[in-house]
C-alpha atoms as a PDB file:
ATOM      1  CA  MET A   1     130.640 -64.942  71.101  1.00  0.00           C
ATOM      2  CA  SER A   2     133.504 -66.250  73.206  1.00  0.00           C
ATOM      3  CA  SER A   3     137.092 -65.183  72.852  1.00  0.00           C
ATOM      4  CA  SER A   4     139.640 -67.778  71.832  1.00  0.00           C
ATOM      5  CA  MET A   5     142.328 -66.024  73.852  1.00  0.00           C
ATOM      6  CA  GLU A   6     143.477 -67.390  77.197  1.00  0.00           C
ATOM      7  CA  PRO A   7     142.504 -65.177  80.166  1.00  0.00           C
ATOM      8  CA  GLU A   8     146.120 -64.832  81.344  1.00  0.00           C
ATOM      9  CA  VAL A   9     147.311 -63.758  77.906  1.00  0.00           C
ATOM     10  CA  LYS A  10     144.450 -61.289  77.639  1.00  0.00           C
ATOM     11  CA  ARG A  11     145.295 -59.747  81.044  1.00  0.00           C
ATOM     12  CA  PHE A  12     148.957 -59.506  80.015  1.00  0.00           C
ATOM     13  CA  LEU A  13     148.115 -57.751  76.739  1.00  0.00           C
ATOM     14  CA  VAL A  14     145.762 -55.351  78.544  1.00  0.00           C
ATOM     15  CA  LYS A  15     148.606 -54.462  80.933  1.00  0.00           C
ATOM     16  CA  ILE A  16     150.894 -53.780  77.987  1.00  0.00           C
ATOM     17  CA  LEU A  17     148.289 -51.602  76.258  1.00  0.00           C
ATOM     18  CA  LYS A  18     147.533 -49.655  79.442  1.00  0.00           C
ATOM     19  CA  GLY A  19     151.215 -49.007  80.058  1.00  0.00           C
ATOM     20  CA  ILE A  20     151.915 -47.927  76.489  1.00  0.00           C
ATOM     21  CA  SER A  21     148.833 -45.716  76.332  1.00  0.00           C
ATOM     22  CA  VAL A  22     149.677 -43.921  79.591  1.00  0.00           C
ATOM     23  CA  LEU A  23     153.244 -43.286  78.453  1.00  0.00           C
ATOM     24  CA  VAL A  24     152.211 -42.103  74.994  1.00  0.00           C
ATOM     25  CA  LEU A  25     149.530 -39.756  76.357  1.00  0.00           C
ATOM     26  CA  TRP A  26     151.982 -38.355  78.922  1.00  0.00           C
ATOM     27  CA  LEU A  27     154.624 -37.806  76.247  1.00  0.00           C
ATOM     28  CA  ILE A  28     152.194 -36.213  73.768  1.00  0.00           C
ATOM     29  CA  PHE A  29     150.878 -33.854  76.431  1.00  0.00           C
ATOM     30  CA  ASN A  30     154.368 -32.812  77.508  1.00  0.00           C
ATOM     31  CA  VAL A  31     155.560 -32.317  73.943  1.00  0.00           C
ATOM     32  CA  LEU A  32     152.480 -30.242  73.179  1.00  0.00           C
ATOM     33  CA  ILE A  33     152.963 -28.006  76.189  1.00  0.00           C
ATOM     34  CA  GLY A  34     156.743 -27.879  76.046  1.00  0.00           C
ATOM     35  CA  LEU A  35     157.481 -27.561  72.355  1.00  0.00           C
ATOM     36  CA  TYR A  36     154.327 -26.263  70.722  1.00  0.00           C
ATOM     37  CA  LEU A  37     153.617 -23.621  73.358  1.00  0.00           C
ATOM     38  CA  GLN A  38     157.392 -23.165  73.882  1.00  0.00           C
ATOM     39  CA  TRP A  39     157.232 -23.519  77.641  1.00  0.00           C
ATOM     40  CA  ALA A  40     160.319 -25.748  77.614  1.00  0.00           C
ATOM     41  CA  PHE A  41     162.589 -23.103  76.116  1.00  0.00           C
ATOM     42  CA  ILE A  42     164.405 -20.585  78.261  1.00  0.00           C
ATOM     43  CA  TYR A  43     165.257 -17.595  76.089  1.00  0.00           C
ATOM     44  CA  ASP A  44     166.469 -14.556  78.022  1.00  0.00           C
ATOM     45  CA  HIS A  45     165.381 -15.487  81.511  1.00  0.00           C
ATOM     46  CA  ILE A  46     163.243 -18.037  83.339  1.00  0.00           C
ATOM     47  CA  ASN A  47     159.582 -17.065  83.335  1.00  0.00           C
ATOM     48  CA  LEU A  48     156.512 -18.433  85.095  1.00  0.00           C
ATOM     49  CA  PHE A  49     155.619 -20.799  82.241  1.00  0.00           C
ATOM     50  CA  ASN A  50     159.040 -22.454  82.405  1.00  0.00           C
ATOM     51  CA  ILE A  51     158.636 -23.010  86.129  1.00  0.00           C
ATOM     52  CA  ILE A  52     155.143 -24.460  85.662  1.00  0.00           C
ATOM     53  CA  PHE A  53     156.289 -26.754  82.859  1.00  0.00           C
ATOM     54  CA  TYR A  54     159.350 -28.147  84.629  1.00  0.00           C
ATOM     55  CA  SER A  55     157.445 -28.483  87.911  1.00  0.00           C
ATOM     56  CA  TRP A  56     154.785 -30.473  86.044  1.00  0.00           C
ATOM     57  CA  ILE A  57     157.481 -32.756  84.611  1.00  0.00           C
ATOM     58  CA  LEU A  58     159.056 -33.312  88.044  1.00  0.00           C
ATOM     59  CA  ILE A  59     155.689 -34.094  89.642  1.00  0.00           C
ATOM     60  CA  SER A  60     154.073 -36.116  86.866  1.00  0.00           C
ATOM     61  CA  LEU A  61     157.017 -38.358  85.942  1.00  0.00           C
ATOM     62  CA  PRO A  62     157.165 -40.063  89.361  1.00  0.00           C
ATOM     63  CA  ALA A  63     153.360 -40.364  89.251  1.00  0.00           C
ATOM     64  CA  VAL A  64     153.526 -42.125  85.877  1.00  0.00           C
ATOM     65  CA  ILE A  65     156.325 -44.386  87.089  1.00  0.00           C
ATOM     66  CA  TYR A  66     154.333 -45.195  90.222  1.00  0.00           C
ATOM     67  CA  TYR A  67     151.259 -46.037  88.135  1.00  0.00           C
ATOM     68  CA  LEU A  68     153.287 -48.344  85.903  1.00  0.00           C
ATOM     69  CA  TYR A  69     154.882 -49.972  88.945  1.00  0.00           C
ATOM     70  CA  LYS A  70     151.461 -50.636  90.502  1.00  0.00           C
ATOM     71  CA  LEU A  71     150.089 -51.834  87.165  1.00  0.00           C
ATOM     72  CA  TRP A  72     152.820 -54.439  86.713  1.00  0.00           C
ATOM     73  CA  ASN A  73     152.786 -55.630  90.336  1.00  0.00           C
ATOM     74  CA  LYS A  74     149.102 -56.612  90.346  1.00  0.00           C
END
Protein backbone atom coordinates (compact mmCIF):
# COMPACT_ATOMS: atom_id res chain seq x y z
CA MET A 1 0.00 0.00 0.00
CA SER A 2 1.62 3.25 -1.08
CA SER A 3 1.18 6.55 0.68
CA SER A 4 -0.47 9.38 -1.21
CA MET A 5 1.62 11.93 0.67
CA GLU A 6 4.57 13.64 -0.98
CA PRO A 7 7.95 12.63 0.52
CA GLU A 8 8.89 16.24 1.33
CA VAL A 9 5.61 16.86 3.14
CA LYS A 10 6.00 13.61 5.05
CA ARG A 11 9.55 14.54 6.16
CA PHE A 12 8.30 17.98 7.23
CA LEU A 13 5.46 16.51 9.30
CA VAL A 14 7.83 13.99 10.91
CA LYS A 15 10.11 16.89 11.91
CA ILE A 16 7.17 18.70 13.46
CA LEU A 17 6.05 15.59 15.37
CA LYS A 18 9.58 14.86 16.61
CA GLY A 19 10.01 18.43 17.82
CA ILE A 20 6.64 18.55 19.57
CA SER A 21 7.11 15.14 21.17
CA VAL A 22 10.56 16.01 22.55
CA LEU A 23 9.28 19.28 24.00
CA VAL A 24 6.18 17.70 25.51
CA LEU A 25 8.13 14.82 27.07
CA TRP A 26 10.71 17.26 28.48
CA LEU A 27 7.98 19.47 29.92
CA ILE A 28 6.01 16.56 31.41
CA PHE A 29 9.14 15.16 33.03
CA ASN A 30 10.11 18.52 34.52
CA VAL A 31 6.60 19.22 35.78
CA LEU A 32 6.45 15.77 37.35
CA ILE A 33 9.76 16.19 39.13
CA GLY A 34 9.36 19.86 39.97
CA LEU A 35 5.73 20.13 41.00
CA TYR A 36 4.60 16.65 41.94
CA LEU A 37 7.70 15.79 43.95
CA GLN A 38 8.01 19.47 45.01
CA TRP A 39 11.65 19.77 44.04
CA ALA A 40 11.00 23.17 42.45
CA PHE A 41 9.82 24.79 45.67
CA ILE A 42 12.22 26.37 48.11
CA TYR A 43 10.55 26.47 51.51
CA ASP A 44 12.89 27.35 54.37
CA HIS A 45 16.23 26.81 52.71
CA ILE A 46 17.74 25.34 49.56
CA ASN A 47 18.19 21.59 49.82
CA LEU A 48 19.91 19.00 47.65
CA PHE A 49 16.77 18.22 45.65
CA ASN A 50 16.37 21.87 44.65
CA ILE A 51 19.96 21.96 43.44
CA ILE A 52 19.52 18.74 41.47
CA PHE A 53 16.28 19.95 39.90
CA TYR A 54 17.53 23.37 38.83
CA SER A 55 20.84 21.91 37.63
CA TRP A 56 18.86 19.44 35.51
CA ILE A 57 16.85 22.31 34.02
CA LEU A 58 20.00 24.32 33.22
CA ILE A 59 21.69 21.32 31.59
CA SER A 60 18.74 19.78 29.77
CA LEU A 61 17.21 22.95 28.29
CA PRO A 62 20.26 23.74 26.12
CA ALA A 63 20.39 20.05 25.14
CA VAL A 64 16.75 20.15 24.00
CA ILE A 65 17.33 23.41 22.13
CA TYR A 66 20.42 21.92 20.48
CA TYR A 67 18.46 18.83 19.43
CA LEU A 68 15.71 20.97 17.92
CA TYR A 69 18.28 23.13 16.15
CA LYS A 70 19.96 20.06 14.63
CA LEU A 71 16.58 18.56 13.74
CA TRP A 72 15.47 21.63 11.79
CA ASN A 73 18.82 22.18 10.05
CA LYS A 74 18.94 18.74 8.42
